Amino acid sequence: MKVSKRYFDILLATILVVALSPALFIIYLWIFFSEGGPVFYISERMKTPDQAFMMVKFRTMIPASENSGVSGGDKADRITASGRFLRATRLDELPQLWNVIKGDISFVGPRPPLREYVVKNPRIYSEVLLSRPGITGLASLVYSGHEQRILEGCKDGAATDAAYQRICIPRKAHLDLIYQRNQSLCFDIAIMLQTGLKVFQRK
């Protein structure tokens, strides 16, 4: 990871934590009083093919005793009322500013994968995870809508997992590697601005 990219991440994340602290507090209270605890969803993700970290998000789903794999149609009935809004606006990802400050992730890069997919797809992730994972990225910007539509049609965990591995992982990896070959601070800023615009248009 380039030193300039890391300094940019730390500076911007610190500014945003201070500026958005009232919003973070309000969202915390909203989830707590409308859905109860826990307020945060903490999940293991991979920073490199062999190094994990704990990613923090606002909770958007009803907790389940068993919760593996990505979210598809099979988990749709677990999304809470507040969670639908937080997901649509990507406000559920604000706590990841802490992960950025810690250096687990960057603002821009491939989305950090679950360990199970790294284990099942070692060749792909040995290349993709040469880049520091990010809150958003080229694959998130270009492909997230397609991925959502594909996975929404899956009615059980096995179908969701199969579709994600067969269709989504290779296509996202292709975009992640395009980003990797062309990464620059200007490119990162452009992706972040486009992500913000996309969220605003969705609202």
N, C-alpha and C. Protein backbone atom coordinates (compact mmCIF):
# COMPACT_ATOMS: atom_id res chain seq x y z
N MET A 1 0.85 -1.19 0.00
CA MET A 1 0.00 0.00 0.00
C MET A 1 0.89 1.25 0.00
N LYS A 2 0.63 2.16 -0.92
CA LYS A 2 1.43 3.37 -1.03
C LYS A 2 1.26 4.24 0.21
N VAL A 3 2.36 4.89 0.60
CA VAL A 3 2.35 5.75 1.78
C VAL A 3 1.33 6.88 1.61
N SER A 4 1.26 7.48 0.41
CA SER A 4 0.32 8.58 0.18
C SER A 4 -1.13 8.13 0.34
N LYS A 5 -1.43 6.92 -0.10
CA LYS A 5 -2.78 6.37 0.03
C LYS A 5 -3.13 6.17 1.51
N ARG A 6 -2.15 5.67 2.28
CA ARG A 6 -2.39 5.44 3.71
C ARG A 6 -2.59 6.76 4.44
N TYR A 7 -1.78 7.75 4.16
CA TYR A 7 -1.95 9.06 4.80
C TYR A 7 -3.30 9.67 4.45
N PHE A 8 -3.69 9.52 3.19
CA PHE A 8 -5.00 10.03 2.75
C PHE A 8 -6.12 9.35 3.53
N ASP A 9 -6.02 8.02 3.68
CA ASP A 9 -7.04 7.26 4.42
C ASP A 9 -7.16 7.75 5.87
N ILE A 10 -6.02 7.88 6.54
CA ILE A 10 -6.03 8.28 7.95
C ILE A 10 -6.62 9.68 8.10
N LEU A 11 -6.18 10.60 7.26
CA LEU A 11 -6.65 11.98 7.36
C LEU A 11 -8.14 12.08 7.11
N LEU A 12 -8.62 11.46 6.01
CA LEU A 12 -10.03 11.56 5.66
C LEU A 12 -10.90 10.83 6.68
N ALA A 13 -10.47 9.65 7.13
CA ALA A 13 -11.26 8.89 8.11
C ALA A 13 -11.38 9.66 9.42
N THR A 14 -10.31 10.29 9.85
CA THR A 14 -10.34 11.07 11.10
C THR A 14 -11.30 12.25 10.98
N ILE A 15 -11.23 12.95 9.85
CA ILE A 15 -12.13 14.09 9.61
C ILE A 15 -13.59 13.63 9.61
N LEU A 16 -13.85 12.51 8.95
CA LEU A 16 -15.23 12.01 8.85
C LEU A 16 -15.76 11.52 10.19
N VAL A 17 -14.92 10.87 10.98
CA VAL A 17 -15.36 10.42 12.31
C VAL A 17 -15.80 11.60 13.15
N VAL A 18 -15.02 12.68 13.12
CA VAL A 18 -15.37 13.88 13.89
C VAL A 18 -16.63 14.53 13.33
N ALA A 19 -16.68 14.69 12.01
CA ALA A 19 -17.81 15.39 11.38
C ALA A 19 -19.10 14.59 11.50
N LEU A 20 -18.99 13.27 11.43
CA LEU A 20 -20.19 12.42 11.40
C LEU A 20 -20.54 11.83 12.76
N SER A 21 -19.83 12.22 13.80
CA SER A 21 -20.10 11.64 15.12
C SER A 21 -21.55 11.84 15.57
N PRO A 22 -22.20 13.00 15.31
CA PRO A 22 -23.62 13.09 15.67
C PRO A 22 -24.49 12.08 14.91
N ALA A 23 -24.21 11.90 13.62
CA ALA A 23 -24.98 10.93 12.82
C ALA A 23 -24.75 9.51 13.33
N LEU A 24 -23.51 9.19 13.67
CA LEU A 24 -23.19 7.87 14.20
C LEU A 24 -23.96 7.62 15.50
N PHE A 25 -24.04 8.63 16.34
CA PHE A 25 -24.74 8.49 17.62
C PHE A 25 -26.24 8.33 17.40
N ILE A 26 -26.79 9.09 16.47
CA ILE A 26 -28.23 9.00 16.19
C ILE A 26 -28.58 7.62 15.62
N ILE A 27 -27.76 7.12 14.70
CA ILE A 27 -28.01 5.78 14.13
C ILE A 27 -27.90 4.72 15.21
N TYR A 28 -26.91 4.88 16.09
CA TYR A 28 -26.76 3.94 17.21
C TYR A 28 -28.05 3.88 18.04
N LEU A 29 -28.57 5.05 18.41
CA LEU A 29 -29.78 5.11 19.22
C LEU A 29 -30.98 4.55 18.46
N TRP A 30 -31.07 4.84 17.17
CA TRP A 30 -32.18 4.36 16.35
C TRP A 30 -32.22 2.84 16.35
N ILE A 31 -31.09 2.22 16.09
CA ILE A 31 -31.05 0.75 16.06
C ILE A 31 -31.36 0.18 17.44
N PHE A 32 -30.76 0.78 18.46
CA PHE A 32 -30.93 0.25 19.81
C PHE A 32 -32.39 0.29 20.26
N PHE A 33 -33.07 1.42 20.01
CA PHE A 33 -34.43 1.57 20.50
C PHE A 33 -35.47 0.95 19.58
N SER A 34 -35.14 0.77 18.30
CA SER A 34 -36.11 0.17 17.37
C SER A 34 -35.93 -1.34 17.23
N GLU A 35 -34.69 -1.80 17.31
CA GLU A 35 -34.42 -3.23 17.07
C GLU A 35 -33.79 -3.93 18.27
N GLY A 36 -33.31 -3.17 19.22
CA GLY A 36 -32.60 -3.77 20.34
C GLY A 36 -31.15 -4.06 19.97
N GLY A 37 -30.44 -4.67 20.91
CA GLY A 37 -29.03 -4.99 20.65
C GLY A 37 -28.88 -6.35 20.00
N PRO A 38 -27.68 -6.63 19.50
CA PRO A 38 -26.53 -5.73 19.44
C PRO A 38 -26.72 -4.68 18.33
N VAL A 39 -26.08 -3.53 18.51
CA VAL A 39 -26.18 -2.46 17.52
C VAL A 39 -25.20 -2.69 16.37
N PHE A 40 -24.04 -3.27 16.70
CA PHE A 40 -23.01 -3.48 15.68
C PHE A 40 -22.98 -4.93 15.21
N TYR A 41 -22.64 -5.09 13.95
CA TYR A 41 -22.41 -6.41 13.38
C TYR A 41 -20.91 -6.54 13.14
N ILE A 42 -20.29 -7.51 13.80
CA ILE A 42 -18.85 -7.70 13.70
C ILE A 42 -18.59 -9.04 13.04
N SER A 43 -17.85 -9.02 11.95
CA SER A 43 -17.65 -10.24 11.15
C SER A 43 -16.20 -10.36 10.70
N GLU A 44 -15.71 -11.58 10.70
CA GLU A 44 -14.35 -11.80 10.22
C GLU A 44 -14.29 -11.61 8.71
N ARG A 45 -13.29 -10.88 8.26
CA ARG A 45 -13.00 -10.72 6.84
C ARG A 45 -11.50 -10.90 6.65
N MET A 46 -11.09 -11.02 5.39
CA MET A 46 -9.69 -11.26 5.10
C MET A 46 -9.04 -10.02 4.50
N LYS A 47 -7.91 -9.63 5.10
CA LYS A 47 -7.11 -8.51 4.60
C LYS A 47 -6.13 -9.00 3.53
N THR A 48 -5.56 -10.18 3.76
CA THR A 48 -4.69 -10.87 2.82
C THR A 48 -5.17 -12.31 2.78
N PRO A 49 -4.64 -13.16 1.89
CA PRO A 49 -5.09 -14.56 1.85
C PRO A 49 -4.91 -15.31 3.17
N ASP A 50 -4.03 -14.82 4.05
CA ASP A 50 -3.82 -15.53 5.32
C ASP A 50 -3.90 -14.64 6.56
N GLN A 51 -4.40 -13.41 6.40
CA GLN A 51 -4.52 -12.49 7.53
C GLN A 51 -5.94 -11.96 7.62
N ALA A 52 -6.58 -12.24 8.77
CA ALA A 52 -7.97 -11.84 8.97
C ALA A 52 -8.05 -10.60 9.85
N PHE A 53 -9.21 -9.95 9.84
CA PHE A 53 -9.51 -8.86 10.76
C PHE A 53 -11.00 -8.88 11.02
N MET A 54 -11.43 -8.14 12.03
CA MET A 54 -12.85 -8.08 12.39
C MET A 54 -13.44 -6.78 11.85
N MET A 55 -14.34 -6.90 10.88
CA MET A 55 -14.97 -5.75 10.25
C MET A 55 -16.21 -5.34 11.03
N VAL A 56 -16.39 -4.03 11.22
CA VAL A 56 -17.50 -3.51 12.01
C VAL A 56 -18.48 -2.77 11.12
N LYS A 57 -19.77 -3.10 11.27
CA LYS A 57 -20.83 -2.40 10.57
C LYS A 57 -21.99 -2.21 11.54
N PHE A 58 -22.91 -1.31 11.21
CA PHE A 58 -24.16 -1.27 11.95
C PHE A 58 -24.98 -2.52 11.57
N ARG A 59 -25.63 -3.11 12.56
CA ARG A 59 -26.42 -4.32 12.30
C ARG A 59 -27.66 -3.99 11.49
N THR A 60 -27.90 -4.76 10.44
CA THR A 60 -29.07 -4.54 9.57
C THR A 60 -29.97 -5.77 9.48
N MET A 61 -29.58 -6.85 10.17
CA MET A 61 -30.36 -8.09 10.10
C MET A 61 -30.64 -8.63 11.49
N ILE A 62 -31.71 -9.40 11.60
CA ILE A 62 -32.00 -10.11 12.85
C ILE A 62 -30.90 -11.15 13.07
N PRO A 63 -30.28 -11.17 14.24
CA PRO A 63 -29.21 -12.15 14.48
C PRO A 63 -29.71 -13.58 14.33
N ALA A 64 -28.82 -14.43 13.85
CA ALA A 64 -29.14 -15.86 13.69
C ALA A 64 -28.02 -16.68 14.30
N SER A 65 -28.39 -17.85 14.83
CA SER A 65 -27.39 -18.71 15.46
C SER A 65 -26.37 -19.21 14.44
N GLU A 66 -26.83 -19.45 13.21
CA GLU A 66 -25.94 -19.85 12.13
C GLU A 66 -26.06 -18.84 11.01
N ASN A 67 -24.93 -18.24 10.64
CA ASN A 67 -24.97 -17.20 9.62
C ASN A 67 -23.69 -17.24 8.80
N SER A 68 -23.70 -18.03 7.75
CA SER A 68 -22.51 -18.16 6.92
C SER A 68 -22.81 -17.71 5.50
N GLY A 69 -21.76 -17.38 4.76
CA GLY A 69 -21.92 -17.01 3.36
C GLY A 69 -22.47 -15.60 3.18
N VAL A 70 -22.58 -15.22 1.91
CA VAL A 70 -23.08 -13.89 1.58
C VAL A 70 -24.59 -13.84 1.71
N SER A 71 -25.14 -12.63 1.69
CA SER A 71 -26.59 -12.45 1.83
C SER A 71 -27.27 -12.55 0.47
N GLY A 72 -28.30 -13.38 0.41
CA GLY A 72 -29.11 -13.52 -0.79
C GLY A 72 -30.58 -13.50 -0.43
N GLY A 73 -31.40 -13.99 -1.35
CA GLY A 73 -32.83 -14.04 -1.11
C GLY A 73 -33.20 -14.86 0.10
N ASP A 74 -32.34 -15.82 0.44
CA ASP A 74 -32.61 -16.70 1.59
C ASP A 74 -32.53 -15.95 2.92
N LYS A 75 -31.89 -14.78 2.94
CA LYS A 75 -31.77 -14.00 4.18
C LYS A 75 -32.60 -12.73 4.17
N ALA A 76 -33.38 -12.52 3.11
CA ALA A 76 -34.11 -11.26 2.94
C ALA A 76 -35.09 -11.00 4.08
N ASP A 77 -35.71 -12.07 4.61
CA ASP A 77 -36.71 -11.87 5.66
C ASP A 77 -36.09 -11.51 7.00
N ARG A 78 -34.76 -11.54 7.08
CA ARG A 78 -34.07 -11.17 8.32
C ARG A 78 -33.66 -9.70 8.35
N ILE A 79 -33.80 -9.01 7.23
CA ILE A 79 -33.41 -7.59 7.19
C ILE A 79 -34.41 -6.76 7.99
N THR A 80 -33.91 -5.95 8.89
CA THR A 80 -34.78 -5.15 9.76
C THR A 80 -35.29 -3.90 9.02
N ALA A 81 -36.27 -3.25 9.63
CA ALA A 81 -36.82 -2.02 9.02
C ALA A 81 -35.73 -0.95 8.92
N SER A 82 -34.99 -0.75 9.99
CA SER A 82 -33.90 0.24 9.93
C SER A 82 -32.80 -0.24 9.00
N GLY A 83 -32.60 -1.56 8.94
CA GLY A 83 -31.55 -2.12 8.10
C GLY A 83 -31.77 -1.86 6.62
N ARG A 84 -33.03 -1.85 6.19
CA ARG A 84 -33.30 -1.59 4.77
C ARG A 84 -32.85 -0.20 4.37
N PHE A 85 -33.14 0.77 5.25
CA PHE A 85 -32.71 2.14 4.97
C PHE A 85 -31.19 2.27 5.04
N LEU A 86 -30.59 1.69 6.05
CA LEU A 86 -29.14 1.79 6.22
C LEU A 86 -28.39 1.14 5.06
N ARG A 87 -28.90 0.04 4.56
CA ARG A 87 -28.26 -0.62 3.41
C ARG A 87 -28.41 0.21 2.15
N ALA A 88 -29.61 0.75 1.94
CA ALA A 88 -29.85 1.53 0.72
C ALA A 88 -28.97 2.77 0.65
N THR A 89 -28.69 3.35 1.82
CA THR A 89 -27.88 4.57 1.87
C THR A 89 -26.42 4.28 2.20
N ARG A 90 -26.11 3.02 2.46
CA ARG A 90 -24.78 2.56 2.85
C ARG A 90 -24.30 3.17 4.16
N LEU A 91 -25.24 3.68 4.95
CA LEU A 91 -24.88 4.21 6.26
C LEU A 91 -24.48 3.10 7.23
N ASP A 92 -24.87 1.87 6.93
CA ASP A 92 -24.46 0.75 7.78
C ASP A 92 -22.94 0.57 7.78
N GLU A 93 -22.27 1.12 6.77
CA GLU A 93 -20.83 0.94 6.65
C GLU A 93 -20.01 2.03 7.35
N LEU A 94 -20.66 3.02 7.94
CA LEU A 94 -19.92 4.09 8.60
C LEU A 94 -18.96 3.60 9.69
N PRO A 95 -19.33 2.59 10.49
CA PRO A 95 -18.36 2.12 11.51
C PRO A 95 -17.06 1.58 10.92
N GLN A 96 -17.05 1.28 9.62
CA GLN A 96 -15.81 0.81 9.01
C GLN A 96 -14.74 1.90 8.96
N LEU A 97 -15.11 3.13 9.26
CA LEU A 97 -14.10 4.18 9.39
C LEU A 97 -13.07 3.78 10.45
N TRP A 98 -13.51 3.05 11.47
CA TRP A 98 -12.58 2.55 12.49
C TRP A 98 -11.60 1.57 11.87
N ASN A 99 -12.09 0.69 10.98
CA ASN A 99 -11.21 -0.25 10.30
C ASN A 99 -10.21 0.46 9.39
N VAL A 100 -10.64 1.58 8.79
CA VAL A 100 -9.72 2.36 7.96
C VAL A 100 -8.61 2.96 8.81
N ILE A 101 -8.98 3.55 9.94
CA ILE A 101 -7.98 4.16 10.81
C ILE A 101 -6.99 3.11 11.32
N LYS A 102 -7.49 1.92 11.63
CA LYS A 102 -6.62 0.85 12.11
C LYS A 102 -5.69 0.31 11.01
N GLY A 103 -6.09 0.51 9.76
CA GLY A 103 -5.29 -0.01 8.65
C GLY A 103 -5.74 -1.36 8.15
N ASP A 104 -6.90 -1.83 8.63
CA ASP A 104 -7.43 -3.11 8.14
C ASP A 104 -7.85 -2.99 6.68
N ILE A 105 -8.46 -1.85 6.35
CA ILE A 105 -8.95 -1.61 5.00
C ILE A 105 -8.61 -0.18 4.59
N SER A 106 -8.84 0.11 3.32
CA SER A 106 -8.68 1.45 2.77
C SER A 106 -10.07 1.98 2.43
N PHE A 107 -10.16 3.22 1.98
CA PHE A 107 -11.44 3.70 1.48
C PHE A 107 -11.79 3.00 0.16
N VAL A 108 -10.78 2.74 -0.67
CA VAL A 108 -11.03 2.16 -1.99
C VAL A 108 -10.18 0.91 -2.17
N GLY A 109 -10.82 -0.15 -2.64
CA GLY A 109 -10.13 -1.41 -2.89
C GLY A 109 -11.17 -2.50 -3.07
N PRO A 110 -10.77 -3.73 -3.25
CA PRO A 110 -11.73 -4.83 -3.34
C PRO A 110 -12.46 -5.00 -2.01
N ARG A 111 -13.71 -5.38 -2.05
CA ARG A 111 -14.44 -5.61 -0.81
C ARG A 111 -13.80 -6.79 -0.08
N PRO A 112 -13.59 -6.68 1.25
CA PRO A 112 -12.93 -7.75 1.98
C PRO A 112 -13.77 -9.02 2.02
N PRO A 113 -13.23 -10.14 1.56
CA PRO A 113 -14.02 -11.37 1.45
C PRO A 113 -14.08 -12.16 2.75
N LEU A 114 -15.08 -13.02 2.84
CA LEU A 114 -15.15 -13.99 3.92
C LEU A 114 -14.05 -15.03 3.75
N ARG A 115 -13.58 -15.58 4.85
CA ARG A 115 -12.51 -16.57 4.81
C ARG A 115 -12.89 -17.76 3.92
N GLU A 116 -14.14 -18.21 4.01
CA GLU A 116 -14.53 -19.42 3.28
C GLU A 116 -14.34 -19.27 1.77
N TYR A 117 -14.55 -18.05 1.24
CA TYR A 117 -14.38 -17.86 -0.20
C TYR A 117 -12.91 -17.73 -0.60
N VAL A 118 -12.10 -17.23 0.31
CA VAL A 118 -10.66 -17.18 0.05
C VAL A 118 -10.09 -18.59 0.02
N VAL A 119 -10.56 -19.43 0.94
CA VAL A 119 -10.10 -20.83 0.98
C VAL A 119 -10.53 -21.58 -0.27
N LYS A 120 -11.75 -21.33 -0.74
CA LYS A 120 -12.27 -22.04 -1.91
C LYS A 120 -11.74 -21.50 -3.23
N ASN A 121 -11.25 -20.27 -3.22
CA ASN A 121 -10.78 -19.63 -4.46
C ASN A 121 -9.39 -19.02 -4.25
N PRO A 122 -8.41 -19.84 -3.91
CA PRO A 122 -7.09 -19.29 -3.54
C PRO A 122 -6.38 -18.57 -4.68
N ARG A 123 -6.53 -19.06 -5.91
CA ARG A 123 -5.83 -18.42 -7.03
C ARG A 123 -6.35 -17.01 -7.26
N ILE A 124 -7.67 -16.86 -7.23
CA ILE A 124 -8.27 -15.54 -7.46
C ILE A 124 -7.84 -14.55 -6.37
N TYR A 125 -7.97 -14.96 -5.12
CA TYR A 125 -7.73 -14.01 -4.04
C TYR A 125 -6.25 -13.78 -3.77
N SER A 126 -5.39 -14.68 -4.22
CA SER A 126 -3.95 -14.41 -4.11
C SER A 126 -3.56 -13.20 -4.96
N GLU A 127 -4.32 -12.94 -6.02
CA GLU A 127 -4.09 -11.76 -6.86
C GLU A 127 -4.88 -10.56 -6.36
N VAL A 128 -6.18 -10.75 -6.10
CA VAL A 128 -7.05 -9.64 -5.70
C VAL A 128 -6.56 -9.00 -4.41
N LEU A 129 -6.16 -9.79 -3.44
CA LEU A 129 -5.79 -9.26 -2.13
C LEU A 129 -4.35 -8.76 -2.07
N LEU A 130 -3.72 -8.60 -3.22
CA LEU A 130 -2.49 -7.81 -3.26
C LEU A 130 -2.81 -6.34 -3.03
N SER A 131 -4.07 -5.96 -3.28
CA SER A 131 -4.56 -4.61 -2.97
C SER A 131 -5.21 -4.65 -1.59
N ARG A 132 -5.04 -3.60 -0.81
CA ARG A 132 -5.73 -3.50 0.48
C ARG A 132 -7.23 -3.42 0.23
N PRO A 133 -8.03 -4.25 0.90
CA PRO A 133 -9.49 -4.17 0.71
C PRO A 133 -10.02 -2.79 1.06
N GLY A 134 -11.22 -2.48 0.56
CA GLY A 134 -11.76 -1.14 0.77
C GLY A 134 -13.24 -1.12 1.09
N ILE A 135 -13.73 0.05 1.53
CA ILE A 135 -15.16 0.25 1.78
C ILE A 135 -15.91 0.25 0.46
N THR A 136 -15.32 0.85 -0.55
CA THR A 136 -15.88 0.82 -1.89
C THR A 136 -14.76 0.50 -2.87
N GLY A 137 -15.11 0.33 -4.12
CA GLY A 137 -14.10 0.00 -5.11
C GLY A 137 -14.71 -0.05 -6.49
N LEU A 138 -13.90 -0.34 -7.47
CA LEU A 138 -14.40 -0.39 -8.84
C LEU A 138 -15.45 -1.47 -9.00
N ALA A 139 -15.20 -2.64 -8.41
CA ALA A 139 -16.18 -3.73 -8.51
C ALA A 139 -17.47 -3.37 -7.79
N SER A 140 -17.36 -2.74 -6.62
CA SER A 140 -18.56 -2.32 -5.89
C SER A 140 -19.36 -1.31 -6.70
N LEU A 141 -18.65 -0.39 -7.32
CA LEU A 141 -19.31 0.67 -8.08
C LEU A 141 -20.01 0.13 -9.32
N VAL A 142 -19.33 -0.76 -10.05
CA VAL A 142 -19.83 -1.23 -11.34
C VAL A 142 -20.77 -2.42 -11.21
N TYR A 143 -20.48 -3.31 -10.25
CA TYR A 143 -21.14 -4.62 -10.26
C TYR A 143 -22.13 -4.87 -9.13
N SER A 144 -22.18 -4.00 -8.12
CA SER A 144 -22.99 -4.30 -6.93
C SER A 144 -24.47 -4.50 -7.27
N GLY A 145 -25.00 -3.70 -8.19
CA GLY A 145 -26.40 -3.85 -8.57
C GLY A 145 -26.68 -5.18 -9.24
N HIS A 146 -25.78 -5.61 -10.12
CA HIS A 146 -25.93 -6.91 -10.78
C HIS A 146 -25.87 -8.02 -9.75
N GLU A 147 -24.92 -7.92 -8.84
CA GLU A 147 -24.78 -8.96 -7.81
C GLU A 147 -26.03 -9.06 -6.96
N GLN A 148 -26.58 -7.92 -6.58
CA GLN A 148 -27.79 -7.92 -5.76
C GLN A 148 -28.94 -8.61 -6.47
N ARG A 149 -29.10 -8.31 -7.76
CA ARG A 149 -30.20 -8.93 -8.51
C ARG A 149 -30.00 -10.44 -8.65
N ILE A 150 -28.76 -10.86 -8.84
CA ILE A 150 -28.47 -12.30 -8.97
C ILE A 150 -28.79 -13.02 -7.67
N LEU A 151 -28.31 -12.48 -6.55
CA LEU A 151 -28.45 -13.16 -5.27
C LEU A 151 -29.86 -13.06 -4.70
N GLU A 152 -30.59 -12.01 -5.06
CA GLU A 152 -31.97 -11.88 -4.58
C GLU A 152 -32.85 -13.04 -5.06
N GLY A 153 -32.51 -13.61 -6.21
CA GLY A 153 -33.30 -14.71 -6.75
C GLY A 153 -32.98 -16.06 -6.14
N CYS A 154 -32.00 -16.12 -5.26
CA CYS A 154 -31.60 -17.38 -4.62
C CYS A 154 -32.43 -17.60 -3.36
N LYS A 155 -33.06 -18.75 -3.27
CA LYS A 155 -34.01 -19.00 -2.18
C LYS A 155 -33.44 -19.82 -1.03
N ASP A 156 -32.24 -20.32 -1.16
CA ASP A 156 -31.62 -21.02 -0.04
C ASP A 156 -30.12 -20.77 -0.05
N GLY A 157 -29.47 -21.13 1.04
CA GLY A 157 -28.05 -20.83 1.20
C GLY A 157 -27.18 -21.49 0.16
N ALA A 158 -27.52 -22.71 -0.23
CA ALA A 158 -26.71 -23.44 -1.20
C ALA A 158 -26.76 -22.75 -2.57
N ALA A 159 -27.95 -22.29 -2.96
CA ALA A 159 -28.09 -21.60 -4.25
C ALA A 159 -27.37 -20.26 -4.23
N THR A 160 -27.47 -19.54 -3.12
CA THR A 160 -26.77 -18.26 -2.98
C THR A 160 -25.27 -18.46 -3.10
N ASP A 161 -24.75 -19.45 -2.38
CA ASP A 161 -23.31 -19.72 -2.39
C ASP A 161 -22.84 -20.11 -3.79
N ALA A 162 -23.61 -20.96 -4.45
CA ALA A 162 -23.22 -21.42 -5.79
C ALA A 162 -23.20 -20.26 -6.79
N ALA A 163 -24.23 -19.41 -6.75
CA ALA A 163 -24.30 -18.28 -7.67
C ALA A 163 -23.18 -17.28 -7.40
N TYR A 164 -22.91 -17.06 -6.14
CA TYR A 164 -21.87 -16.10 -5.78
C TYR A 164 -20.50 -16.58 -6.27
N GLN A 165 -20.21 -17.85 -6.06
CA GLN A 165 -18.90 -18.36 -6.46
C GLN A 165 -18.77 -18.51 -7.98
N ARG A 166 -19.82 -18.96 -8.62
CA ARG A 166 -19.75 -19.24 -10.06
C ARG A 166 -19.81 -17.96 -10.90
N ILE A 167 -20.64 -17.00 -10.47
CA ILE A 167 -20.86 -15.81 -11.29
C ILE A 167 -20.18 -14.57 -10.73
N CYS A 168 -20.44 -14.28 -9.46
CA CYS A 168 -20.04 -12.98 -8.91
C CYS A 168 -18.55 -12.87 -8.63
N ILE A 169 -17.95 -13.87 -8.01
CA ILE A 169 -16.54 -13.76 -7.64
C ILE A 169 -15.65 -13.53 -8.86
N PRO A 170 -15.77 -14.31 -9.95
CA PRO A 170 -14.90 -14.06 -11.11
C PRO A 170 -15.09 -12.69 -11.73
N ARG A 171 -16.33 -12.22 -11.80
CA ARG A 171 -16.58 -10.92 -12.44
C ARG A 171 -16.07 -9.78 -11.57
N LYS A 172 -16.26 -9.89 -10.26
CA LYS A 172 -15.74 -8.85 -9.38
C LYS A 172 -14.22 -8.86 -9.38
N ALA A 173 -13.63 -10.04 -9.41
CA ALA A 173 -12.17 -10.13 -9.42
C ALA A 173 -11.59 -9.47 -10.67
N HIS A 174 -12.26 -9.64 -11.80
CA HIS A 174 -11.81 -9.01 -13.05
C HIS A 174 -11.75 -7.49 -12.87
N LEU A 175 -12.78 -6.92 -12.27
CA LEU A 175 -12.82 -5.47 -12.05
C LEU A 175 -11.80 -5.04 -10.99
N ASP A 176 -11.64 -5.85 -9.96
CA ASP A 176 -10.66 -5.53 -8.91
C ASP A 176 -9.24 -5.50 -9.47
N LEU A 177 -8.95 -6.38 -10.41
CA LEU A 177 -7.61 -6.41 -11.00
C LEU A 177 -7.39 -5.26 -11.97
N ILE A 178 -8.47 -4.80 -12.64
CA ILE A 178 -8.36 -3.58 -13.44
C ILE A 178 -8.01 -2.40 -12.53
N TYR A 179 -8.69 -2.31 -11.38
CA TYR A 179 -8.37 -1.25 -10.42
C TYR A 179 -6.92 -1.36 -9.97
N GLN A 180 -6.50 -2.58 -9.66
CA GLN A 180 -5.14 -2.79 -9.15
C GLN A 180 -4.08 -2.29 -10.13
N ARG A 181 -4.31 -2.53 -11.41
CA ARG A 181 -3.34 -2.12 -12.43
C ARG A 181 -3.33 -0.61 -12.65
N ASN A 182 -4.42 0.05 -12.27
CA ASN A 182 -4.55 1.48 -12.57
C ASN A 182 -4.68 2.34 -11.31
N GLN A 183 -4.39 1.77 -10.15
CA GLN A 183 -4.61 2.49 -8.90
C GLN A 183 -3.79 3.76 -8.81
N SER A 184 -4.45 4.83 -8.40
CA SER A 184 -3.80 6.10 -8.10
C SER A 184 -4.71 6.86 -7.16
N LEU A 185 -4.20 7.89 -6.52
CA LEU A 185 -5.01 8.68 -5.60
C LEU A 185 -6.16 9.37 -6.34
N CYS A 186 -5.90 9.83 -7.54
CA CYS A 186 -6.97 10.46 -8.34
C CYS A 186 -8.05 9.47 -8.70
N PHE A 187 -7.65 8.24 -9.05
CA PHE A 187 -8.61 7.19 -9.37
C PHE A 187 -9.45 6.86 -8.14
N ASP A 188 -8.80 6.79 -6.96
CA ASP A 188 -9.52 6.51 -5.72
C ASP A 188 -10.57 7.59 -5.44
N ILE A 189 -10.18 8.85 -5.59
CA ILE A 189 -11.10 9.95 -5.33
C ILE A 189 -12.28 9.91 -6.31
N ALA A 190 -12.00 9.57 -7.56
CA ALA A 190 -13.07 9.47 -8.57
C ALA A 190 -14.06 8.37 -8.20
N ILE A 191 -13.54 7.22 -7.74
CA ILE A 191 -14.42 6.11 -7.34
C ILE A 191 -15.26 6.50 -6.14
N MET A 192 -14.65 7.18 -5.17
CA MET A 192 -15.39 7.61 -3.99
C MET A 192 -16.50 8.60 -4.35
N LEU A 193 -16.20 9.55 -5.24
CA LEU A 193 -17.22 10.52 -5.66
C LEU A 193 -18.35 9.84 -6.42
N GLN A 194 -18.01 8.90 -7.30
CA GLN A 194 -19.02 8.17 -8.04
C GLN A 194 -19.87 7.31 -7.12
N THR A 195 -19.26 6.73 -6.08
CA THR A 195 -20.02 5.94 -5.11
C THR A 195 -21.02 6.82 -4.38
N GLY A 196 -20.57 8.00 -3.94
CA GLY A 196 -21.48 8.93 -3.27
C GLY A 196 -22.62 9.37 -4.16
N LEU A 197 -22.32 9.65 -5.44
CA LEU A 197 -23.34 10.05 -6.39
C LEU A 197 -24.35 8.92 -6.62
N LYS A 198 -23.85 7.70 -6.68
CA LYS A 198 -24.72 6.55 -6.91
C LYS A 198 -25.69 6.36 -5.74
N VAL A 199 -25.19 6.51 -4.53
CA VAL A 199 -26.04 6.39 -3.34
C VAL A 199 -27.09 7.50 -3.34
N PHE A 200 -26.70 8.73 -3.68
CA PHE A 200 -27.62 9.87 -3.72
C PHE A 200 -28.71 9.63 -4.76
N GLN A 201 -28.33 9.11 -5.94
CA GLN A 201 -29.31 8.85 -6.99
C GLN A 201 -30.28 7.75 -6.57
N ARG A 202 -29.77 6.75 -5.85
CA ARG A 202 -30.62 5.67 -5.38
C ARG A 202 -31.65 6.18 -4.41
N LYS A 203 -31.24 7.10 -3.52
CA LYS A 203 -32.19 7.71 -2.58
C LYS A 203 -33.27 8.48 -3.30
